[in-house]
Amino acid sequence: MSISDTHAETVRELGAFERTIDLYMHRNPVQFSLVAEMDRKISEQTLARALRGVQARHPLLRVSVDRRTPRARYRWAEGPVRVETAAEGTPWQAVVAAEQTRPIAPEPGPLMRTVLIPAEFGSVIVLTFAHQITDGTGGMRVVADLVAALDDEEEEGGEPASEGDVAPPEGDVPPPEGDVAALGEDVPPSQETLLRALDTATPTADAPQDELMNEPGSLTRFSGRAPHVSALALQHGLTARLVDRCHAEGVSVHAALCAAACTVFHRAGRTRVRVLSPIDLRRAAGLPDAVANRFAGARTASEASQAGDFWELARHHHMDLERRRAPQVLKTGSEALAQQPPATPEEAEAMMAVATAADIQITNLGVVETPAHGRTCLTALWGPAQTTQLRGEHVLGVATVGGRLRMTELTHDPVAVLLPDMATVLAQQCAEPAPPSS
């Protein structure tokens, strides 16, 4: 079988969740960026070659989405990941905002691109992924593999001696060895396939239904308008105190972030605040790690009357999320979508407007482990950074690298004090004495 024949083949059909995302994206681009700060100078040529190696490891970084059939399918894409270089010193926030104005077309693929920003003492790389192929945790794995690939590039000779070493920008890109379909890992199955095989013999009671939680949001037509980008990093000391205090209170750091966001919104006059939290199915349901979509959405809410006791509010979010993270609940939700998936962009929009409507979405990637050795060091990670076209949305991405928790928020309706006030609330609550241990 020739390489071109392999490229023409179907990889697999999109699963129900992937199709829902893709149908929604017909008119509402959903793509997210991760911003990786590196401590060394990296050329565009070196980055392009390293990305080729990362592509070879992860099949869904080498696909397009074919919508010309009744059920959309992934097909092999022949090109490399696109690399652009911004002017040295360009703020990464400006690049991230611009990335939200340029939809990633489903064809010809691949469904990922990068922007390299040379810095005075290092490099910043903005990786942007179309949401049909992966989630934030999968994107984080790409970042980790890219750091390793950049180290390999350095060991194999460093920067290219001539322009002839640059990865070809157009046309067929031959794989390093053998057939494309045989490279790297097996093609990740859909999350429905994996959840269907999940052993959930012990039934779990779902959280009580609240009709107000399902009040739908409204969409704004995509216009290419750049969102407002805010970013804030907690100091090492505050990050450590937050982790310790959450442990003492028996809540997750994510629940504390939910409580902090709700507290800020309640103080601004909102009586009810809904928080959307993507749940990583790798951890919650034991699904295998992969660069693919492995998540479900869960909403929690708070009333203004709950804002007086911060840690009790955090426990409220924590316990509610724990119920919604139960494998049986996740499997049941997946089966319901698989049985009645949307069939048109309009149906997908109506479903997403109900399922994702919230005052704020918080995606927390947790602690990002960096390699203990190697010449290339990841000094900071920001994101995931995205918008979804829901009116009034605030999309907050959180990641912790090198002992500092970093928050990145995108919105078209900025609240200037949101991140600073969240940090202040956390600092105040972590300064108070912790409860005595039992």
Protein backbone atom coordinates (compact mmCIF):
# COMPACT_ATOMS: atom_id res chain seq x y z
CA MET A 1 0.00 0.00 0.00
CA SER A 2 1.39 3.39 -0.95
CA ILE A 3 1.57 6.37 1.37
CA SER A 4 -0.93 8.31 -0.73
CA ASP A 5 -3.39 5.39 -0.59
CA THR A 6 -2.99 5.25 3.18
CA HIS A 7 -3.63 8.99 3.44
CA ALA A 8 -6.88 8.59 1.51
CA GLU A 9 -8.17 5.99 3.92
CA THR A 10 -10.69 6.60 6.65
CA VAL A 11 -9.09 6.53 10.08
CA ARG A 12 -12.42 5.97 11.82
CA GLU A 13 -15.80 7.60 12.20
CA LEU A 14 -16.18 10.27 14.84
CA GLY A 15 -17.83 9.06 18.02
CA ALA A 16 -21.08 10.62 19.25
CA PHE A 17 -19.31 13.15 21.47
CA GLU A 18 -16.78 14.04 18.77
CA ARG A 19 -19.61 14.43 16.22
CA THR A 20 -21.49 16.72 18.60
CA ILE A 21 -18.43 18.93 18.91
CA ASP A 22 -17.89 18.88 15.15
CA LEU A 23 -21.51 19.74 14.35
CA TYR A 24 -21.38 22.60 16.84
CA MET A 25 -18.19 23.81 15.16
CA HIS A 26 -19.88 24.21 11.78
CA ARG A 27 -20.76 27.74 12.87
CA ASN A 28 -19.05 28.11 16.25
CA PRO A 29 -15.30 27.56 16.11
CA VAL A 30 -14.04 25.82 19.25
CA GLN A 31 -10.29 25.56 19.46
CA PHE A 32 -8.00 25.98 22.43
CA SER A 33 -4.44 27.14 22.88
CA LEU A 34 -1.73 26.09 25.30
CA VAL A 35 1.16 28.49 25.84
CA ALA A 36 4.50 26.86 26.65
CA GLU A 37 7.35 29.04 27.86
CA MET A 38 10.78 27.47 27.23
CA ASP A 39 14.14 28.50 28.63
CA ARG A 40 16.10 28.15 25.37
CA LYS A 41 16.17 29.72 21.93
CA ILE A 42 14.35 27.56 19.37
CA SER A 43 14.34 28.15 15.62
CA GLU A 44 11.30 27.64 13.41
CA GLN A 45 13.15 24.85 11.59
CA THR A 46 13.95 22.99 14.81
CA LEU A 47 10.37 23.37 16.03
CA ALA A 48 8.99 22.08 12.72
CA ARG A 49 11.17 18.98 12.86
CA ALA A 50 10.29 18.32 16.51
CA LEU A 51 6.59 18.61 15.69
CA ARG A 52 7.02 16.02 12.94
CA GLY A 53 8.25 13.60 15.59
CA VAL A 54 5.32 14.42 17.89
CA GLN A 55 2.86 13.93 15.01
CA ALA A 56 4.30 10.48 14.40
CA ARG A 57 3.44 9.48 17.98
CA HIS A 58 -0.18 10.65 18.00
CA PRO A 59 -2.52 9.63 15.17
CA LEU A 60 -5.14 12.35 15.68
CA LEU A 61 -2.47 14.99 15.04
CA ARG A 62 -2.37 13.64 11.47
CA VAL A 63 -6.05 13.76 10.52
CA SER A 64 -8.68 15.93 8.88
CA VAL A 65 -12.46 15.71 9.35
CA ASP A 66 -14.46 14.66 6.29
CA ARG A 67 -18.00 16.02 6.58
CA ARG A 68 -19.12 14.86 3.13
CA THR A 69 -20.61 11.63 4.47
CA PRO A 70 -23.72 11.18 6.65
CA ARG A 71 -21.46 10.52 9.65
CA ALA A 72 -18.30 12.60 9.77
CA ARG A 73 -15.05 10.66 9.72
CA TYR A 74 -11.39 11.25 10.34
CA ARG A 75 -9.12 10.87 7.30
CA TRP A 76 -5.35 10.95 7.18
CA ALA A 77 -3.92 14.41 6.55
CA GLU A 78 -0.75 14.70 4.52
CA GLY A 79 0.73 17.96 5.75
CA PRO A 80 2.90 18.90 8.73
CA VAL A 81 1.70 21.00 11.64
CA ARG A 82 1.77 24.58 10.47
CA VAL A 83 4.40 26.77 12.15
CA GLU A 84 4.39 30.56 12.11
CA THR A 85 6.86 32.90 13.78
CA ALA A 86 5.76 36.11 15.47
CA ALA A 87 7.97 39.13 16.06
CA GLU A 88 10.33 38.76 18.99
CA GLY A 89 8.76 39.89 22.25
CA THR A 90 5.16 39.73 20.99
CA PRO A 91 2.91 39.25 24.05
CA TRP A 92 1.57 35.72 24.00
CA GLN A 93 -1.81 37.08 25.09
CA ALA A 94 -2.10 38.90 21.74
CA VAL A 95 -1.26 35.70 19.86
CA VAL A 96 -3.81 33.68 21.84
CA ALA A 97 -6.51 36.29 21.17
CA ALA A 98 -5.70 36.24 17.45
CA GLU A 99 -5.81 32.44 17.38
CA GLN A 100 -9.47 32.60 18.45
CA THR A 101 -10.30 34.72 15.39
CA ARG A 102 -8.94 32.16 12.87
CA PRO A 103 -11.01 28.96 12.73
CA ILE A 104 -9.10 25.75 12.01
CA ALA A 105 -10.80 24.31 8.93
CA PRO A 106 -11.76 20.61 9.12
CA GLU A 107 -9.86 19.97 5.88
CA PRO A 108 -7.18 19.51 4.68
CA GLY A 109 -5.73 19.07 8.20
CA PRO A 110 -3.90 18.55 10.41
CA LEU A 111 -6.15 20.13 13.02
CA MET A 112 -3.38 21.80 14.98
CA ARG A 113 -1.07 24.77 14.39
CA THR A 114 1.67 26.57 16.29
CA VAL A 115 3.09 30.06 16.64
CA LEU A 116 6.69 30.52 17.77
CA ILE A 117 7.47 33.71 19.68
CA PRO A 118 11.20 34.35 20.12
CA ALA A 119 11.95 35.91 23.49
CA GLU A 120 15.03 37.65 24.86
CA PHE A 121 16.15 34.68 26.94
CA GLY A 122 14.11 31.82 25.51
CA SER A 123 11.08 30.97 23.40
CA VAL A 124 7.31 30.89 23.75
CA ILE A 125 5.31 28.37 21.74
CA VAL A 126 1.55 28.73 21.30
CA LEU A 127 -0.06 25.41 20.30
CA THR A 128 -3.65 25.59 19.08
CA PHE A 129 -5.84 22.50 18.70
CA ALA A 130 -9.23 22.06 17.06
CA HIS A 131 -11.49 20.49 19.68
CA GLN A 132 -12.55 17.61 17.43
CA ILE A 133 -9.23 15.87 18.06
CA THR A 134 -8.30 16.41 21.69
CA ASP A 135 -8.93 18.08 25.02
CA GLY A 136 -6.68 20.09 27.32
CA THR A 137 -5.12 17.05 28.98
CA GLY A 138 -4.30 15.57 25.59
CA GLY A 139 -2.83 18.91 24.54
CA MET A 140 -0.69 18.89 27.68
CA ARG A 141 0.71 15.51 26.62
CA VAL A 142 1.63 17.04 23.25
CA VAL A 143 3.52 19.80 25.09
CA ALA A 144 5.44 17.23 27.15
CA ASP A 145 6.32 15.21 24.04
CA LEU A 146 7.37 18.39 22.24
CA VAL A 147 9.79 19.26 25.05
CA ALA A 148 11.31 15.77 24.73
CA ALA A 149 11.46 16.05 20.94
CA LEU A 150 13.23 19.39 21.16
CA ASP A 151 15.83 17.76 23.40
CA ASP A 152 16.26 15.01 20.82
CA GLU A 153 16.75 17.64 18.12
CA GLU A 154 19.50 19.22 20.21
CA GLU A 155 21.25 15.90 20.78
CA GLU A 156 21.13 15.08 17.07
CA GLY A 157 22.92 18.20 15.97
CA GLY A 158 21.07 21.30 17.06
CA GLU A 159 20.01 23.97 14.59
CA PRO A 160 20.00 23.19 10.85
CA ALA A 161 22.99 24.24 8.81
CA SER A 162 20.88 25.34 5.87
CA GLU A 163 17.33 26.05 4.78
CA GLY A 164 17.34 22.62 3.12
CA ASP A 165 16.66 21.04 6.50
CA VAL A 166 13.32 22.80 6.91
CA ALA A 167 10.28 20.48 6.86
CA PRO A 168 8.47 20.92 3.52
CA PRO A 169 5.51 23.28 3.97
CA GLU A 170 3.30 21.92 1.19
CA GLY A 171 2.40 18.64 -0.48
CA ASP A 172 2.90 15.09 0.71
CA VAL A 173 5.03 14.75 3.80
CA PRO A 174 6.47 11.25 3.94
CA PRO A 175 6.48 9.64 7.39
CA PRO A 176 9.81 8.83 8.99
CA GLU A 177 9.40 5.09 8.39
CA GLY A 178 6.73 2.77 7.03
CA ASP A 179 3.04 3.35 6.52
CA VAL A 180 1.37 6.32 8.18
CA ALA A 181 -1.27 4.09 9.71
CA ALA A 182 1.40 2.04 11.40
CA LEU A 183 3.19 4.97 13.05
CA GLY A 184 3.10 5.72 16.75
CA GLU A 185 0.21 4.46 18.81
CA ASP A 186 -2.96 2.77 17.64
CA VAL A 187 -5.70 5.22 16.68
CA PRO A 188 -7.45 6.16 19.93
CA PRO A 189 -11.03 4.87 20.04
CA SER A 190 -13.91 7.17 20.86
CA GLN A 191 -14.69 7.72 24.53
CA GLU A 192 -18.11 6.07 24.04
CA THR A 193 -16.37 2.86 22.98
CA LEU A 194 -14.17 2.93 26.08
CA LEU A 195 -16.96 3.86 28.50
CA ARG A 196 -19.21 1.15 27.06
CA ALA A 197 -16.68 -1.45 28.19
CA LEU A 198 -16.32 0.09 31.63
CA ASP A 199 -17.33 -2.18 34.51
CA THR A 200 -19.74 -0.15 36.60
CA ALA A 201 -21.67 -2.92 38.30
CA THR A 202 -22.22 -0.87 41.45
CA PRO A 203 -24.99 1.68 40.80
CA THR A 204 -24.36 5.24 41.91
CA ALA A 205 -27.06 7.73 42.79
CA ASP A 206 -26.96 10.77 40.54
CA ALA A 207 -27.11 14.28 41.91
CA PRO A 208 -30.64 15.65 42.34
CA GLN A 209 -31.92 17.52 39.29
CA ASP A 210 -32.26 21.28 39.44
CA GLU A 211 -34.24 22.85 36.59
CA LEU A 212 -32.47 26.18 37.04
CA MET A 213 -29.16 24.44 36.33
CA ASN A 214 -30.43 23.52 32.84
CA GLU A 215 -31.58 26.98 31.84
CA PRO A 216 -30.00 27.33 28.38
CA GLY A 217 -27.53 29.98 27.40
CA SER A 218 -27.65 31.92 24.15
CA LEU A 219 -25.12 31.96 21.35
CA THR A 220 -23.54 34.90 19.63
CA ARG A 221 -22.76 34.63 15.93
CA PHE A 222 -19.05 34.15 15.30
CA SER A 223 -17.65 37.40 13.91
CA GLY A 224 -13.92 36.96 14.28
CA ARG A 225 -13.81 39.54 17.08
CA ALA A 226 -10.79 39.01 19.30
CA PRO A 227 -11.56 38.11 22.92
CA HIS A 228 -10.10 39.82 25.96
CA VAL A 229 -7.28 37.76 27.51
CA SER A 230 -6.30 38.01 31.18
CA ALA A 231 -3.57 36.07 32.94
CA LEU A 232 -2.33 35.84 36.51
CA ALA A 233 0.15 33.57 38.30
CA LEU A 234 -0.03 32.92 42.04
CA GLN A 235 3.27 33.20 43.86
CA HIS A 236 5.01 30.00 44.97
CA GLY A 237 4.15 30.62 48.62
CA LEU A 238 0.45 31.18 47.98
CA THR A 239 0.26 28.14 45.69
CA ALA A 240 1.82 25.96 48.42
CA ARG A 241 -0.48 27.39 51.10
CA LEU A 242 -3.50 26.80 48.88
CA VAL A 243 -2.58 23.15 48.32
CA ASP A 244 -1.95 22.60 52.04
CA ARG A 245 -5.15 24.34 53.12
CA CYS A 246 -7.27 22.43 50.60
CA HIS A 247 -5.82 19.19 51.94
CA ALA A 248 -6.65 20.23 55.49
CA GLU A 249 -10.21 21.16 54.48
CA GLY A 250 -10.74 17.94 52.55
CA VAL A 251 -11.42 19.65 49.22
CA SER A 252 -9.67 19.80 45.86
CA VAL A 253 -7.82 22.87 44.62
CA HIS A 254 -10.33 22.93 41.79
CA ALA A 255 -13.22 23.21 44.26
CA ALA A 256 -11.45 26.13 45.93
CA LEU A 257 -11.12 27.83 42.53
CA CYS A 258 -14.83 27.29 41.92
CA ALA A 259 -15.61 28.83 45.32
CA ALA A 260 -13.29 31.77 44.67
CA ALA A 261 -14.90 32.54 41.30
CA CYS A 262 -18.40 32.29 42.81
CA THR A 263 -17.40 34.54 45.70
CA VAL A 264 -16.18 37.25 43.32
CA PHE A 265 -19.33 37.07 41.21
CA HIS A 266 -21.60 37.08 44.28
CA ARG A 267 -19.82 40.15 45.64
CA ALA A 268 -20.47 41.81 42.26
CA GLY A 269 -24.20 41.25 42.76
CA ARG A 270 -24.98 37.93 41.11
CA THR A 271 -27.44 35.92 43.19
CA ARG A 272 -26.76 32.60 41.49
CA VAL A 273 -23.54 31.44 39.84
CA ARG A 274 -23.13 28.35 37.68
CA VAL A 275 -19.67 26.82 37.14
CA LEU A 276 -18.90 24.40 34.32
CA SER A 277 -16.04 22.00 35.08
CA PRO A 278 -14.73 19.59 32.43
CA ILE A 279 -14.10 16.18 34.03
CA ASP A 280 -11.06 14.25 32.80
CA LEU A 281 -12.27 10.71 32.09
CA ARG A 282 -8.72 9.39 32.27
CA ARG A 283 -8.69 9.99 36.00
CA ALA A 284 -12.39 9.75 36.82
CA ALA A 285 -13.13 6.56 34.87
CA GLY A 286 -9.67 5.09 34.33
CA LEU A 287 -9.69 5.59 30.55
CA PRO A 288 -6.30 5.17 28.88
CA ASP A 289 -4.30 8.31 28.27
CA ALA A 290 -4.25 9.54 24.69
CA VAL A 291 -4.22 12.69 22.59
CA ALA A 292 -7.99 12.53 22.10
CA ASN A 293 -11.16 13.80 23.70
CA ARG A 294 -11.61 12.13 27.07
CA PHE A 295 -13.86 14.48 29.05
CA ALA A 296 -17.39 15.24 30.17
CA GLY A 297 -18.91 18.44 31.47
CA ALA A 298 -20.26 18.90 35.00
CA ARG A 299 -21.97 21.96 36.42
CA THR A 300 -22.15 23.10 40.00
CA ALA A 301 -23.86 26.18 41.36
CA SER A 302 -23.94 28.45 44.38
CA GLU A 303 -26.38 30.95 45.80
CA ALA A 304 -25.43 34.30 47.30
CA SER A 305 -26.46 32.98 50.72
CA GLN A 306 -23.60 30.46 50.54
CA ALA A 307 -20.89 33.05 49.93
CA GLY A 308 -20.35 33.80 53.63
CA ASP A 309 -18.44 30.60 54.42
CA PHE A 310 -15.74 30.06 51.81
CA TRP A 311 -14.59 26.58 52.78
CA GLU A 312 -18.14 25.33 53.21
CA LEU A 313 -18.83 26.64 49.69
CA ALA A 314 -15.72 24.84 48.44
CA ARG A 315 -16.95 21.62 50.08
CA HIS A 316 -20.30 22.10 48.35
CA HIS A 317 -18.60 22.24 44.93
CA HIS A 318 -16.25 19.39 45.83
CA MET A 319 -19.00 16.99 46.91
CA ASP A 320 -21.24 17.87 43.97
CA LEU A 321 -18.39 17.26 41.53
CA GLU A 322 -17.54 13.97 43.22
CA ARG A 323 -21.08 12.75 42.60
CA ARG A 324 -20.90 13.78 38.97
CA ARG A 325 -17.47 12.14 38.55
CA ALA A 326 -18.79 8.70 39.53
CA PRO A 327 -18.05 6.23 36.69
CA GLN A 328 -21.66 5.03 36.50
CA VAL A 329 -22.93 8.60 36.11
CA LEU A 330 -20.36 9.28 33.38
CA LYS A 331 -21.18 6.03 31.57
CA THR A 332 -24.92 6.72 31.74
CA GLY A 333 -24.47 10.19 30.27
CA SER A 334 -22.29 8.82 27.48
CA GLU A 335 -24.83 6.13 26.60
CA ALA A 336 -27.63 8.70 26.49
CA LEU A 337 -25.70 10.81 23.99
CA ALA A 338 -24.79 7.77 21.90
CA GLN A 339 -28.46 6.76 21.69
CA GLN A 340 -29.72 10.23 20.73
CA PRO A 341 -26.87 12.25 19.22
CA PRO A 342 -27.57 15.51 17.42
CA ALA A 343 -27.90 15.13 13.65
CA THR A 344 -27.57 18.76 12.53
CA PRO A 345 -25.59 21.85 13.54
CA GLU A 346 -28.82 23.35 14.88
CA GLU A 347 -29.44 20.35 17.14
CA ALA A 348 -25.84 20.43 18.34
CA GLU A 349 -26.12 24.13 19.15
CA ALA A 350 -29.32 23.58 21.11
CA MET A 351 -27.72 20.72 23.06
CA MET A 352 -24.53 22.65 23.82
CA ALA A 353 -26.47 25.77 24.82
CA VAL A 354 -28.11 23.68 27.55
CA ALA A 355 -25.17 21.48 28.53
CA THR A 356 -22.49 24.18 28.74
CA ALA A 357 -24.39 27.27 29.86
CA ALA A 358 -22.60 28.74 32.87
CA ASP A 359 -21.31 31.98 34.33
CA ILE A 360 -17.76 30.63 34.21
CA GLN A 361 -16.02 27.54 32.85
CA ILE A 362 -12.94 26.37 34.76
CA THR A 363 -10.63 23.83 33.15
CA ASN A 364 -7.91 22.83 35.60
CA LEU A 365 -5.07 20.75 34.13
CA GLY A 366 -3.59 20.27 37.59
CA VAL A 367 0.13 19.91 38.23
CA VAL A 368 2.08 19.62 34.99
CA GLU A 369 5.13 17.45 35.57
CA THR A 370 8.25 18.65 33.78
CA PRO A 371 11.13 16.34 32.81
CA ALA A 372 13.80 16.08 35.50
CA HIS A 373 16.58 16.21 32.95
CA GLY A 374 17.17 17.57 29.47
CA ARG A 375 18.37 20.80 27.96
CA THR A 376 14.90 22.16 27.21
CA CYS A 377 12.97 23.23 30.31
CA LEU A 378 9.29 24.12 30.39
CA THR A 379 9.26 27.12 32.70
CA ALA A 380 5.55 28.00 32.46
CA LEU A 381 2.34 26.74 30.91
CA TRP A 382 -0.76 28.89 30.36
CA GLY A 383 -4.21 27.74 29.31
CA PRO A 384 -6.22 26.05 28.00
CA ALA A 385 -7.37 29.30 26.40
CA GLN A 386 -10.55 29.27 24.32
CA THR A 387 -13.96 30.75 23.61
CA THR A 388 -17.16 28.91 22.63
CA GLN A 389 -19.48 31.75 21.43
CA LEU A 390 -21.81 31.50 24.43
CA ARG A 391 -23.03 34.96 25.37
CA GLY A 392 -21.42 36.34 28.53
CA GLU A 393 -18.98 33.44 28.93
CA HIS A 394 -15.82 33.53 31.03
CA VAL A 395 -13.51 30.64 30.13
CA LEU A 396 -10.76 30.07 32.67
CA GLY A 397 -7.82 27.71 32.11
CA VAL A 398 -5.61 26.69 35.03
CA ALA A 399 -2.27 24.88 35.11
CA THR A 400 0.45 24.54 37.76
CA VAL A 401 4.10 24.32 36.68
CA GLY A 402 7.17 24.80 38.85
CA GLY A 403 5.12 25.32 41.98
CA ARG A 404 3.03 28.22 40.63
CA LEU A 405 -0.65 28.05 39.73
CA ARG A 406 -1.42 30.08 36.60
CA MET A 407 -4.84 31.28 35.45
CA THR A 408 -5.76 32.36 31.91
CA GLU A 409 -9.20 33.81 31.17
CA LEU A 410 -10.85 34.56 27.82
CA THR A 411 -14.09 36.50 27.45
CA HIS A 412 -15.85 39.08 25.34
CA ASP A 413 -17.34 40.64 28.47
CA PRO A 414 -14.33 41.36 30.68
CA VAL A 415 -14.60 41.77 34.42
CA ALA A 416 -11.31 43.53 35.09
CA VAL A 417 -11.01 42.36 38.69
CA LEU A 418 -11.99 38.71 38.23
CA LEU A 419 -8.54 37.11 38.39
CA PRO A 420 -6.99 39.59 40.87
CA ASP A 421 -10.01 39.27 43.15
CA MET A 422 -9.95 35.47 42.93
CA ALA A 423 -6.28 35.57 43.96
CA THR A 424 -7.11 37.93 46.84
CA VAL A 425 -9.93 35.68 48.06
CA LEU A 426 -7.64 32.65 47.99
CA ALA A 427 -4.86 34.52 49.79
CA GLN A 428 -7.24 35.69 52.52
CA GLN A 429 -8.72 32.24 53.05
CA CYS A 430 -5.31 30.56 53.14
CA ALA A 431 -4.05 33.11 55.66
CA GLU A 432 -6.68 32.09 58.20
CA PRO A 433 -5.83 29.28 60.63
CA ALA A 434 -6.56 25.81 59.28
CA PRO A 435 -9.00 23.66 61.22
CA PRO A 436 -7.46 21.26 63.76
CA SER A 437 -6.69 17.87 62.31
CA SER A 438 -8.84 15.04 63.58
